[in-house]
């Protein structure tokens, strides 16, 4: 995995109520290749994730993420990138956040 830099605070309206540390930010080679091919900035996706915009997850998963922010559990967001999808997972202990393809999980 490779380290990538991300923002500390989101512009999402929810950022005033939801924010959490990302820890060390890493990405799998597959995620980096997809982001590069689609010309998508990883920092924008990380900003959405950190501010509580979970992307395309079912409502029950969004509720679980909201609960996880408060209670210190793992957080997973899912964003479309071109014809594919990128997952962003922040570990429960907030030591790291990983960008990866679902098939790399």
PDB file of N, CA and C in Angstrom:
ATOM      1  N   UNK A   1       0.832  -1.177   0.000  1.00  0.00           N
ATOM      2  CA  UNK A   1       0.000   0.000   0.000  1.00  0.00           C
ATOM      3  C   UNK A   1       0.877   1.241   0.000  1.00  0.00           C
ATOM      4  N   UNK A   2       0.316   2.308  -0.515  1.00  0.00           N
ATOM      5  CA  UNK A   2       1.041   3.562  -0.615  1.00  0.00           C
ATOM      6  C   UNK A   2       0.340   4.628   0.201  1.00  0.00           C
ATOM      7  N   UNK A   3       1.104   5.489   0.822  1.00  0.00           N
ATOM      8  CA  UNK A   3       0.528   6.572   1.614  1.00  0.00           C
ATOM      9  C   UNK A   3       0.067   7.691   0.686  1.00  0.00           C
ATOM     10  N   UNK A   4      -1.055   8.307   1.019  1.00  0.00           N
ATOM     11  CA  UNK A   4      -1.550   9.484   0.309  1.00  0.00           C
ATOM     12  C   UNK A   4      -1.988  10.495   1.353  1.00  0.00           C
ATOM     13  N   UNK A   5      -1.951  11.751   0.990  1.00  0.00           N
ATOM     14  CA  UNK A   5      -2.339  12.796   1.935  1.00  0.00           C
ATOM     15  C   UNK A   5      -3.785  13.174   1.722  1.00  0.00           C
ATOM     16  N   UNK A   6      -4.457  13.562   2.808  1.00  0.00           N
ATOM     17  CA  UNK A   6      -5.861  13.967   2.730  1.00  0.00           C
ATOM     18  C   UNK A   6      -6.129  15.165   3.601  1.00  0.00           C
ATOM     19  N   UNK A   7      -7.292  15.743   3.442  1.00  0.00           N
ATOM     20  CA  UNK A   7      -7.650  16.936   4.212  1.00  0.00           C
ATOM     21  C   UNK A   7      -7.970  16.593   5.653  1.00  0.00           C
ATOM     22  N   UNK A   8      -7.965  17.599   6.484  1.00  0.00           N
ATOM     23  CA  UNK A   8      -8.298  17.417   7.893  1.00  0.00           C
ATOM     24  C   UNK A   8      -9.755  17.720   8.190  1.00  0.00           C
ATOM     25  N   UNK A   9     -10.404  18.555   7.376  1.00  0.00           N
ATOM     26  CA  UNK A   9     -11.774  18.957   7.663  1.00  0.00           C
ATOM     27  C   UNK A   9     -12.556  19.055   6.360  1.00  0.00           C
ATOM     28  N   UNK A  10     -13.814  18.603   6.363  1.00  0.00           N
ATOM     29  CA  UNK A  10     -14.635  18.611   5.158  1.00  0.00           C
ATOM     30  C   UNK A  10     -15.468  19.863   5.029  1.00  0.00           C
ATOM     31  N   UNK A  11     -15.979  20.114   3.816  1.00  0.00           N
ATOM     32  CA  UNK A  11     -16.864  21.233   3.561  1.00  0.00           C
ATOM     33  C   UNK A  11     -18.326  20.803   3.578  1.00  0.00           C
ATOM     34  N   UNK A  12     -18.573  19.529   3.735  1.00  0.00           N
ATOM     35  CA  UNK A  12     -19.930  18.990   3.780  1.00  0.00           C
ATOM     36  C   UNK A  12     -20.687  19.650   4.925  1.00  0.00           C
ATOM     37  N   UNK A  13     -21.969  19.970   4.753  1.00  0.00           N
ATOM     38  CA  UNK A  13     -22.733  20.591   5.841  1.00  0.00           C
ATOM     39  C   UNK A  13     -22.720  19.771   7.132  1.00  0.00           C
ATOM     40  N   UNK A  14     -22.553  18.454   7.029  1.00  0.00           N
ATOM     41  CA  UNK A  14     -22.524  17.607   8.215  1.00  0.00           C
ATOM     42  C   UNK A  14     -21.192  17.700   8.957  1.00  0.00           C
ATOM     43  N   UNK A  15     -20.184  18.363   8.362  1.00  0.00           N
ATOM     44  CA  UNK A  15     -18.850  18.376   8.963  1.00  0.00           C
ATOM     45  C   UNK A  15     -18.837  19.016  10.345  1.00  0.00           C
ATOM     46  N   UNK A  16     -19.831  19.836  10.662  1.00  0.00           N
ATOM     47  CA  UNK A  16     -19.872  20.446  11.982  1.00  0.00           C
ATOM     48  C   UNK A  16     -20.309  19.428  13.043  1.00  0.00           C
ATOM     49  N   UNK A  17     -20.982  18.371  12.632  1.00  0.00           N
ATOM     50  CA  UNK A  17     -21.438  17.369  13.586  1.00  0.00           C
ATOM     51  C   UNK A  17     -20.688  16.056  13.468  1.00  0.00           C
ATOM     52  N   UNK A  18     -20.140  15.766  12.294  1.00  0.00           N
ATOM     53  CA  UNK A  18     -19.408  14.517  12.109  1.00  0.00           C
ATOM     54  C   UNK A  18     -18.007  14.843  11.627  1.00  0.00           C
ATOM     55  N   UNK A  19     -17.033  14.381  12.370  1.00  0.00           N
ATOM     56  CA  UNK A  19     -15.637  14.478  11.984  1.00  0.00           C
ATOM     57  C   UNK A  19     -14.870  13.512  12.860  1.00  0.00           C
ATOM     58  N   UNK A  20     -13.846  12.919  12.315  1.00  0.00           N
ATOM     59  CA  UNK A  20     -13.053  11.948  13.058  1.00  0.00           C
ATOM     60  C   UNK A  20     -11.660  11.908  12.446  1.00  0.00           C
ATOM     61  N   UNK A  21     -10.666  11.489  13.217  1.00  0.00           N
ATOM     62  CA  UNK A  21      -9.315  11.399  12.671  1.00  0.00           C
ATOM     63  C   UNK A  21      -9.210  10.254  11.669  1.00  0.00           C
ATOM     64  N   UNK A  22      -8.430  10.466  10.627  1.00  0.00           N
ATOM     65  CA  UNK A  22      -8.227   9.440   9.610  1.00  0.00           C
ATOM     66  C   UNK A  22      -7.013   8.561   9.888  1.00  0.00           C
ATOM     67  N   UNK A  23      -6.119   9.022  10.754  1.00  0.00           N
ATOM     68  CA  UNK A  23      -4.879   8.277  10.980  1.00  0.00           C
ATOM     69  C   UNK A  23      -4.010   8.304   9.732  1.00  0.00           C
ATOM     70  N   UNK A  24      -3.169   7.285   9.580  1.00  0.00           N
ATOM     71  CA  UNK A  24      -2.329   7.183   8.384  1.00  0.00           C
ATOM     72  C   UNK A  24      -3.226   6.806   7.207  1.00  0.00           C
ATOM     73  N   UNK A  25      -3.081   7.522   6.112  1.00  0.00           N
ATOM     74  CA  UNK A  25      -3.897   7.265   4.926  1.00  0.00           C
ATOM     75  C   UNK A  25      -3.074   6.446   3.947  1.00  0.00           C
ATOM     76  N   UNK A  26      -3.632   5.315   3.542  1.00  0.00           N
ATOM     77  CA  UNK A  26      -2.963   4.434   2.590  1.00  0.00           C
ATOM     78  C   UNK A  26      -3.953   4.048   1.497  1.00  0.00           C
ATOM     79  N   UNK A  27      -3.423   3.582   0.374  1.00  0.00           N
ATOM     80  CA  UNK A  27      -4.260   3.140  -0.732  1.00  0.00           C
ATOM     81  C   UNK A  27      -3.621   1.935  -1.391  1.00  0.00           C
ATOM     82  N   UNK A  28      -4.453   1.037  -1.854  1.00  0.00           N
ATOM     83  CA  UNK A  28      -3.956  -0.135  -2.572  1.00  0.00           C
ATOM     84  C   UNK A  28      -3.546   0.295  -3.982  1.00  0.00           C
ATOM     85  N   UNK A  29      -2.683  -0.486  -4.625  1.00  0.00           N
ATOM     86  CA  UNK A  29      -2.309  -0.165  -6.013  1.00  0.00           C
ATOM     87  C   UNK A  29      -3.530  -0.096  -6.940  1.00  0.00           C
ATOM     88  N   UNK A  30      -4.497  -0.989  -6.750  1.00  0.00           N
ATOM     89  CA  UNK A  30      -5.702  -0.972  -7.582  1.00  0.00           C
ATOM     90  C   UNK A  30      -6.487   0.312  -7.422  1.00  0.00           C
ATOM     91  N   UNK A  31      -6.621   0.791  -6.201  1.00  0.00           N
ATOM     92  CA  UNK A  31      -7.336   2.044  -5.948  1.00  0.00           C
ATOM     93  C   UNK A  31      -6.593   3.223  -6.578  1.00  0.00           C
ATOM     94  N   UNK A  32      -5.286   3.247  -6.415  1.00  0.00           N
ATOM     95  CA  UNK A  32      -4.500   4.339  -6.992  1.00  0.00           C
ATOM     96  C   UNK A  32      -4.599   4.348  -8.515  1.00  0.00           C
ATOM     97  N   UNK A  33      -4.567   3.177  -9.126  1.00  0.00           N
ATOM     98  CA  UNK A  33      -4.658   3.077 -10.586  1.00  0.00           C
ATOM     99  C   UNK A  33      -6.020   3.568 -11.066  1.00  0.00           C
ATOM    100  N   UNK A  34      -7.088   3.167 -10.376  1.00  0.00           N
ATOM    101  CA  UNK A  34      -8.437   3.597 -10.751  1.00  0.00           C
ATOM    102  C   UNK A  34      -8.591   5.107 -10.598  1.00  0.00           C
ATOM    103  N   UNK A  35      -8.142   5.659  -9.492  1.00  0.00           N
ATOM    104  CA  UNK A  35      -8.227   7.100  -9.279  1.00  0.00           C
ATOM    105  C   UNK A  35      -7.465   7.859 -10.365  1.00  0.00           C
ATOM    106  N   UNK A  36      -6.286   7.358 -10.714  1.00  0.00           N
ATOM    107  CA  UNK A  36      -5.476   7.995 -11.750  1.00  0.00           C
ATOM    108  C   UNK A  36      -6.167   7.911 -13.105  1.00  0.00           C
ATOM    109  N   UNK A  37      -6.659   6.733 -13.455  1.00  0.00           N
ATOM    110  CA  UNK A  37      -7.321   6.514 -14.745  1.00  0.00           C
ATOM    111  C   UNK A  37      -8.574   7.385 -14.881  1.00  0.00           C
ATOM    112  N   UNK A  38      -9.317   7.545 -13.784  1.00  0.00           N
ATOM    113  CA  UNK A  38     -10.553   8.334 -13.804  1.00  0.00           C
ATOM    114  C   UNK A  38     -10.310   9.816 -13.500  1.00  0.00           C
ATOM    115  N   UNK A  39      -9.078  10.190 -13.224  1.00  0.00           N
ATOM    116  CA  UNK A  39      -8.713  11.566 -12.876  1.00  0.00           C
ATOM    117  C   UNK A  39      -9.547  12.075 -11.699  1.00  0.00           C
ATOM    118  N   UNK A  40      -9.643  11.248 -10.659  1.00  0.00           N
ATOM    119  CA  UNK A  40     -10.369  11.606  -9.438  1.00  0.00           C
ATOM    120  C   UNK A  40      -9.355  11.887  -8.337  1.00  0.00           C
ATOM    121  N   UNK A  41      -9.547  12.972  -7.621  1.00  0.00           N
ATOM    122  CA  UNK A  41      -8.661  13.366  -6.537  1.00  0.00           C
ATOM    123  C   UNK A  41      -9.050  12.605  -5.261  1.00  0.00           C
ATOM    124  N   UNK A  42      -8.155  11.805  -4.736  1.00  0.00           N
ATOM    125  CA  UNK A  42      -8.415  11.035  -3.520  1.00  0.00           C
ATOM    126  C   UNK A  42      -8.766  11.943  -2.349  1.00  0.00           C
ATOM    127  N   UNK A  43      -8.164  13.127  -2.292  1.00  0.00           N
ATOM    128  CA  UNK A  43      -8.424  14.050  -1.184  1.00  0.00           C
ATOM    129  C   UNK A  43      -9.894  14.447  -1.123  1.00  0.00           C
ATOM    130  N   UNK A  44     -10.548  14.582  -2.268  1.00  0.00           N
ATOM    131  CA  UNK A  44     -11.969  14.939  -2.284  1.00  0.00           C
ATOM    132  C   UNK A  44     -12.816  13.813  -1.687  1.00  0.00           C
ATOM    133  N   UNK A  45     -12.496  12.571  -2.023  1.00  0.00           N
ATOM    134  CA  UNK A  45     -13.232  11.441  -1.460  1.00  0.00           C
ATOM    135  C   UNK A  45     -12.965  11.321   0.040  1.00  0.00           C
ATOM    136  N   UNK A  46     -11.737  11.545   0.452  1.00  0.00           N
ATOM    137  CA  UNK A  46     -11.408  11.488   1.877  1.00  0.00           C
ATOM    138  C   UNK A  46     -12.142  12.588   2.649  1.00  0.00           C
ATOM    139  N   UNK A  47     -12.266  13.743   2.049  1.00  0.00           N
ATOM    140  CA  UNK A  47     -12.981  14.849   2.684  1.00  0.00           C
ATOM    141  C   UNK A  47     -14.451  14.476   2.881  1.00  0.00           C
ATOM    142  N   UNK A  48     -15.059  13.883   1.864  1.00  0.00           N
ATOM    143  CA  UNK A  48     -16.449  13.448   1.978  1.00  0.00           C
ATOM    144  C   UNK A  48     -16.592  12.417   3.094  1.00  0.00           C
ATOM    145  N   UNK A  49     -15.701  11.441   3.097  1.00  0.00           N
ATOM    146  CA  UNK A  49     -15.728  10.370   4.107  1.00  0.00           C
ATOM    147  C   UNK A  49     -15.613  10.956   5.511  1.00  0.00           C
ATOM    148  N   UNK A  50     -14.646  11.814   5.706  1.00  0.00           N
ATOM    149  CA  UNK A  50     -14.386  12.367   7.045  1.00  0.00           C
ATOM    150  C   UNK A  50     -15.500  13.270   7.533  1.00  0.00           C
ATOM    151  N   UNK A  51     -16.253  13.859   6.616  1.00  0.00           N
ATOM    152  CA  UNK A  51     -17.317  14.776   7.023  1.00  0.00           C
ATOM    153  C   UNK A  51     -18.682  14.104   7.120  1.00  0.00           C
ATOM    154  N   UNK A  52     -18.721  12.778   6.944  1.00  0.00           N
ATOM    155  CA  UNK A  52     -19.974  12.065   7.141  1.00  0.00           C
ATOM    156  C   UNK A  52     -20.798  11.837   5.890  1.00  0.00           C
ATOM    157  N   UNK A  53     -20.243  12.130   4.723  1.00  0.00           N
ATOM    158  CA  UNK A  53     -20.904  11.792   3.457  1.00  0.00           C
ATOM    159  C   UNK A  53     -20.402  10.406   3.084  1.00  0.00           C
ATOM    160  N   UNK A  54     -21.212   9.401   3.370  1.00  0.00           N
ATOM    161  CA  UNK A  54     -20.775   8.002   3.215  1.00  0.00           C
ATOM    162  C   UNK A  54     -20.879   7.492   1.788  1.00  0.00           C
ATOM    163  N   UNK A  55     -21.312   8.322   0.857  1.00  0.00           N
ATOM    164  CA  UNK A  55     -21.420   7.898  -0.531  1.00  0.00           C
ATOM    165  C   UNK A  55     -22.625   7.017  -0.756  1.00  0.00           C
ATOM    166  N   UNK A  56     -22.447   5.976  -1.544  1.00  0.00           N
ATOM    167  CA  UNK A  56     -23.543   5.074  -1.912  1.00  0.00           C
ATOM    168  C   UNK A  56     -23.551   3.843  -1.025  1.00  0.00           C
ATOM    169  N   UNK A  57     -24.041   4.016   0.187  1.00  0.00           N
ATOM    170  CA  UNK A  57     -24.236   2.879   1.096  1.00  0.00           C
ATOM    171  C   UNK A  57     -25.718   2.822   1.452  1.00  0.00           C
ATOM    172  N   UNK A  58     -26.234   1.642   1.774  1.00  0.00           N
ATOM    173  CA  UNK A  58     -27.632   1.544   2.187  1.00  0.00           C
ATOM    174  C   UNK A  58     -27.879   2.388   3.440  1.00  0.00           C
ATOM    175  N   UNK A  59     -29.124   2.843   3.627  1.00  0.00           N
ATOM    176  CA  UNK A  59     -29.437   3.686   4.788  1.00  0.00           C
ATOM    177  C   UNK A  59     -29.026   3.063   6.126  1.00  0.00           C
ATOM    178  N   UNK A  60     -29.183   1.756   6.270  1.00  0.00           N
ATOM    179  CA  UNK A  60     -28.801   1.117   7.531  1.00  0.00           C
ATOM    180  C   UNK A  60     -27.287   1.154   7.745  1.00  0.00           C
ATOM    181  N   UNK A  61     -26.512   1.099   6.653  1.00  0.00           N
ATOM    182  CA  UNK A  61     -25.052   1.220   6.780  1.00  0.00           C
ATOM    183  C   UNK A  61     -24.656   2.652   7.110  1.00  0.00           C
ATOM    184  N   UNK A  62     -25.365   3.628   6.548  1.00  0.00           N
ATOM    185  CA  UNK A  62     -25.099   5.034   6.889  1.00  0.00           C
ATOM    186  C   UNK A  62     -25.377   5.276   8.369  1.00  0.00           C
ATOM    187  N   UNK A  63     -26.471   4.720   8.874  1.00  0.00           N
ATOM    188  CA  UNK A  63     -26.785   4.848  10.307  1.00  0.00           C
ATOM    189  C   UNK A  63     -25.702   4.185  11.159  1.00  0.00           C
ATOM    190  N   UNK A  64     -25.237   3.026  10.712  1.00  0.00           N
ATOM    191  CA  UNK A  64     -24.176   2.331  11.450  1.00  0.00           C
ATOM    192  C   UNK A  64     -22.897   3.156  11.450  1.00  0.00           C
ATOM    193  N   UNK A  65     -22.572   3.801  10.323  1.00  0.00           N
ATOM    194  CA  UNK A  65     -21.401   4.672  10.279  1.00  0.00           C
ATOM    195  C   UNK A  65     -21.544   5.830  11.260  1.00  0.00           C
ATOM    196  N   UNK A  66     -22.724   6.447  11.297  1.00  0.00           N
ATOM    197  CA  UNK A  66     -22.952   7.544  12.245  1.00  0.00           C
ATOM    198  C   UNK A  66     -22.726   7.055  13.674  1.00  0.00           C
ATOM    199  N   UNK A  67     -23.243   5.883  13.983  1.00  0.00           N
ATOM    200  CA  UNK A  67     -23.064   5.259  15.302  1.00  0.00           C
ATOM    201  C   UNK A  67     -21.576   4.955  15.553  1.00  0.00           C
ATOM    202  N   UNK A  68     -20.889   4.489  14.513  1.00  0.00           N
ATOM    203  CA  UNK A  68     -19.481   4.116  14.641  1.00  0.00           C
ATOM    204  C   UNK A  68     -18.582   5.308  14.920  1.00  0.00           C
ATOM    205  N   UNK A  69     -18.930   6.470  14.369  1.00  0.00           N
ATOM    206  CA  UNK A  69     -18.143   7.680  14.631  1.00  0.00           C
ATOM    207  C   UNK A  69     -18.160   7.985  16.121  1.00  0.00           C
ATOM    208  N   UNK A  70     -19.330   7.914  16.727  1.00  0.00           N
ATOM    209  CA  UNK A  70     -19.508   8.247  18.139  1.00  0.00           C
ATOM    210  C   UNK A  70     -18.908   7.183  19.045  1.00  0.00           C
ATOM    211  N   UNK A  71     -19.045   5.923  18.665  1.00  0.00           N
ATOM    212  CA  UNK A  71     -18.661   4.816  19.539  1.00  0.00           C
ATOM    213  C   UNK A  71     -17.323   4.165  19.213  1.00  0.00           C
ATOM    214  N   UNK A  72     -16.618   4.682  18.233  1.00  0.00           N
ATOM    215  CA  UNK A  72     -15.276   4.183  17.948  1.00  0.00           C
ATOM    216  C   UNK A  72     -15.229   2.848  17.235  1.00  0.00           C
ATOM    217  N   UNK A  73     -16.120   2.645  16.267  1.00  0.00           N
ATOM    218  CA  UNK A  73     -16.090   1.426  15.460  1.00  0.00           C
ATOM    219  C   UNK A  73     -15.585   1.759  14.059  1.00  0.00           C
ATOM    220  N   UNK A  74     -15.368   0.736  13.252  1.00  0.00           N
ATOM    221  CA  UNK A  74     -14.887   0.914  11.886  1.00  0.00           C
ATOM    222  C   UNK A  74     -15.939   1.640  11.046  1.00  0.00           C
ATOM    223  N   UNK A  75     -15.463   2.481  10.111  1.00  0.00           N
ATOM    224  CA  UNK A  75     -16.325   3.285   9.250  1.00  0.00           C
ATOM    225  C   UNK A  75     -16.011   2.937   7.794  1.00  0.00           C
ATOM    226  N   UNK A  76     -17.056   2.687   6.995  1.00  0.00           N
ATOM    227  CA  UNK A  76     -16.868   2.343   5.592  1.00  0.00           C
ATOM    228  C   UNK A  76     -17.734   3.223   4.706  1.00  0.00           C
ATOM    229  N   UNK A  77     -17.105   3.869   3.732  1.00  0.00           N
ATOM    230  CA  UNK A  77     -17.812   4.642   2.715  1.00  0.00           C
ATOM    231  C   UNK A  77     -17.583   3.989   1.363  1.00  0.00           C
ATOM    232  N   UNK A  78     -18.491   4.269   0.422  1.00  0.00           N
ATOM    233  CA  UNK A  78     -18.402   3.687  -0.915  1.00  0.00           C
ATOM    234  C   UNK A  78     -18.752   4.757  -1.940  1.00  0.00           C
ATOM    235  N   UNK A  79     -17.831   5.003  -2.884  1.00  0.00           N
ATOM    236  CA  UNK A  79     -18.029   6.060  -3.870  1.00  0.00           C
ATOM    237  C   UNK A  79     -17.848   5.522  -5.284  1.00  0.00           C
ATOM    238  N   UNK A  80     -18.724   5.927  -6.204  1.00  0.00           N
ATOM    239  CA  UNK A  80     -18.528   5.538  -7.599  1.00  0.00           C
ATOM    240  C   UNK A  80     -17.346   6.307  -8.188  1.00  0.00           C
ATOM    241  N   UNK A  81     -16.524   5.589  -8.941  1.00  0.00           N
ATOM    242  CA  UNK A  81     -15.408   6.200  -9.669  1.00  0.00           C
ATOM    243  C   UNK A  81     -15.458   5.599 -11.071  1.00  0.00           C
ATOM    244  N   UNK A  82     -15.894   6.392 -12.022  1.00  0.00           N
ATOM    245  CA  UNK A  82     -16.096   5.867 -13.366  1.00  0.00           C
ATOM    246  C   UNK A  82     -17.134   4.750 -13.312  1.00  0.00           C
ATOM    247  N   UNK A  83     -16.807   3.641 -13.924  1.00  0.00           N
ATOM    248  CA  UNK A  83     -17.697   2.470 -13.926  1.00  0.00           C
ATOM    249  C   UNK A  83     -17.477   1.589 -12.704  1.00  0.00           C
ATOM    250  N   UNK A  84     -16.538   1.967 -11.862  1.00  0.00           N
ATOM    251  CA  UNK A  84     -16.154   1.154 -10.714  1.00  0.00           C
ATOM    252  C   UNK A  84     -16.528   1.831  -9.406  1.00  0.00           C
ATOM    253  N   UNK A  85     -15.969   1.342  -8.340  1.00  0.00           N
ATOM    254  CA  UNK A  85     -16.287   1.821  -7.002  1.00  0.00           C
ATOM    255  C   UNK A  85     -15.016   1.794  -6.152  1.00  0.00           C
ATOM    256  N   UNK A  86     -14.898   2.780  -5.282  1.00  0.00           N
ATOM    257  CA  UNK A  86     -13.796   2.837  -4.302  1.00  0.00           C
ATOM    258  C   UNK A  86     -14.414   2.768  -2.919  1.00  0.00           C
ATOM    259  N   UNK A  87     -13.839   1.949  -2.078  1.00  0.00           N
ATOM    260  CA  UNK A  87     -14.225   1.923  -0.678  1.00  0.00           C
ATOM    261  C   UNK A  87     -13.184   2.693   0.109  1.00  0.00           C
ATOM    262  N   UNK A  88     -13.637   3.373   1.145  1.00  0.00           N
ATOM    263  CA  UNK A  88     -12.734   4.005   2.110  1.00  0.00           C
ATOM    264  C   UNK A  88     -13.117   3.462   3.478  1.00  0.00           C
ATOM    265  N   UNK A  89     -12.130   2.882   4.147  1.00  0.00           N
ATOM    266  CA  UNK A  89     -12.359   2.273   5.462  1.00  0.00           C
ATOM    267  C   UNK A  89     -11.433   2.919   6.476  1.00  0.00           C
ATOM    268  N   UNK A  90     -12.032   3.469   7.536  1.00  0.00           N
ATOM    269  CA  UNK A  90     -11.257   3.973   8.669  1.00  0.00           C
ATOM    270  C   UNK A  90     -11.382   2.956   9.792  1.00  0.00           C
ATOM    271  N   UNK A  91     -10.248   2.527  10.312  1.00  0.00           N
ATOM    272  CA  UNK A  91     -10.223   1.506  11.360  1.00  0.00           C
ATOM    273  C   UNK A  91     -10.829   2.039  12.659  1.00  0.00           C
ATOM    274  N   UNK A  92     -11.315   1.129  13.459  1.00  0.00           N
ATOM    275  CA  UNK A  92     -11.982   1.476  14.720  1.00  0.00           C
ATOM    276  C   UNK A  92     -11.093   2.325  15.636  1.00  0.00           C
ATOM    277  N   UNK A  93      -9.802   2.011  15.680  1.00  0.00           N
ATOM    278  CA  UNK A  93      -8.904   2.766  16.562  1.00  0.00           C
ATOM    279  C   UNK A  93      -8.413   4.069  15.925  1.00  0.00           C
ATOM    280  N   UNK A  94      -8.903   4.361  14.694  1.00  0.00           N
ATOM    281  CA  UNK A  94      -8.565   5.573  13.946  1.00  0.00           C
ATOM    282  C   UNK A  94      -7.075   5.677  13.630  1.00  0.00           C
ATOM    283  N   UNK A  95      -6.386   4.533  13.633  1.00  0.00           N
ATOM    284  CA  UNK A  95      -4.959   4.537  13.324  1.00  0.00           C
ATOM    285  C   UNK A  95      -4.691   4.657  11.831  1.00  0.00           C
ATOM    286  N   UNK A  96      -5.658   4.235  10.994  1.00  0.00           N
ATOM    287  CA  UNK A  96      -5.445   4.302   9.558  1.00  0.00           C
ATOM    288  C   UNK A  96      -6.762   4.330   8.795  1.00  0.00           C
ATOM    289  N   UNK A  97      -6.658   4.857   7.588  1.00  0.00           N
ATOM    290  CA  UNK A  97      -7.766   4.880   6.638  1.00  0.00           C
ATOM    291  C   UNK A  97      -7.218   4.352   5.320  1.00  0.00           C
ATOM    292  N   UNK A  98      -7.955   3.415   4.711  1.00  0.00           N
ATOM    293  CA  UNK A  98      -7.502   2.764   3.484  1.00  0.00           C
ATOM    294  C   UNK A  98      -8.485   3.017   2.355  1.00  0.00           C
ATOM    295  N   UNK A  99      -7.945   3.376   1.193  1.00  0.00           N
ATOM    296  CA  UNK A  99      -8.712   3.438  -0.040  1.00  0.00           C
ATOM    297  C   UNK A  99      -8.432   2.140  -0.794  1.00  0.00           C
ATOM    298  N   UNK A 100      -9.488   1.434  -1.196  1.00  0.00           N
ATOM    299  CA  UNK A 100      -9.314   0.165  -1.859  1.00  0.00           C
ATOM    300  C   UNK A 100     -10.492  -0.132  -2.769  1.00  0.00           C
ATOM    301  N   UNK A 101     -10.300  -1.085  -3.673  1.00  0.00           N
ATOM    302  CA  UNK A 101     -11.390  -1.594  -4.485  1.00  0.00           C
ATOM    303  C   UNK A 101     -12.111  -2.667  -3.706  1.00  0.00           C
ATOM    304  N   UNK A 102     -13.425  -2.811  -3.883  1.00  0.00           N
ATOM    305  CA  UNK A 102     -14.150  -3.844  -3.128  1.00  0.00           C
ATOM    306  C   UNK A 102     -13.549  -5.238  -3.289  1.00  0.00           C
ATOM    307  N   UNK A 103     -13.074  -5.554  -4.481  1.00  0.00           N
ATOM    308  CA  UNK A 103     -12.496  -6.885  -4.700  1.00  0.00           C
ATOM    309  C   UNK A 103     -11.144  -7.067  -4.007  1.00  0.00           C
ATOM    310  N   UNK A 104     -10.568  -5.992  -3.505  1.00  0.00           N
ATOM    311  CA  UNK A 104      -9.294  -6.081  -2.773  1.00  0.00           C
ATOM    312  C   UNK A 104      -9.507  -6.269  -1.275  1.00  0.00           C
ATOM    313  N   UNK A 105     -10.750  -6.267  -0.838  1.00  0.00           N
ATOM    314  CA  UNK A 105     -11.050  -6.389   0.589  1.00  0.00           C
ATOM    315  C   UNK A 105     -10.736  -7.783   1.092  1.00  0.00           C
TER     316      UNK A 105
END
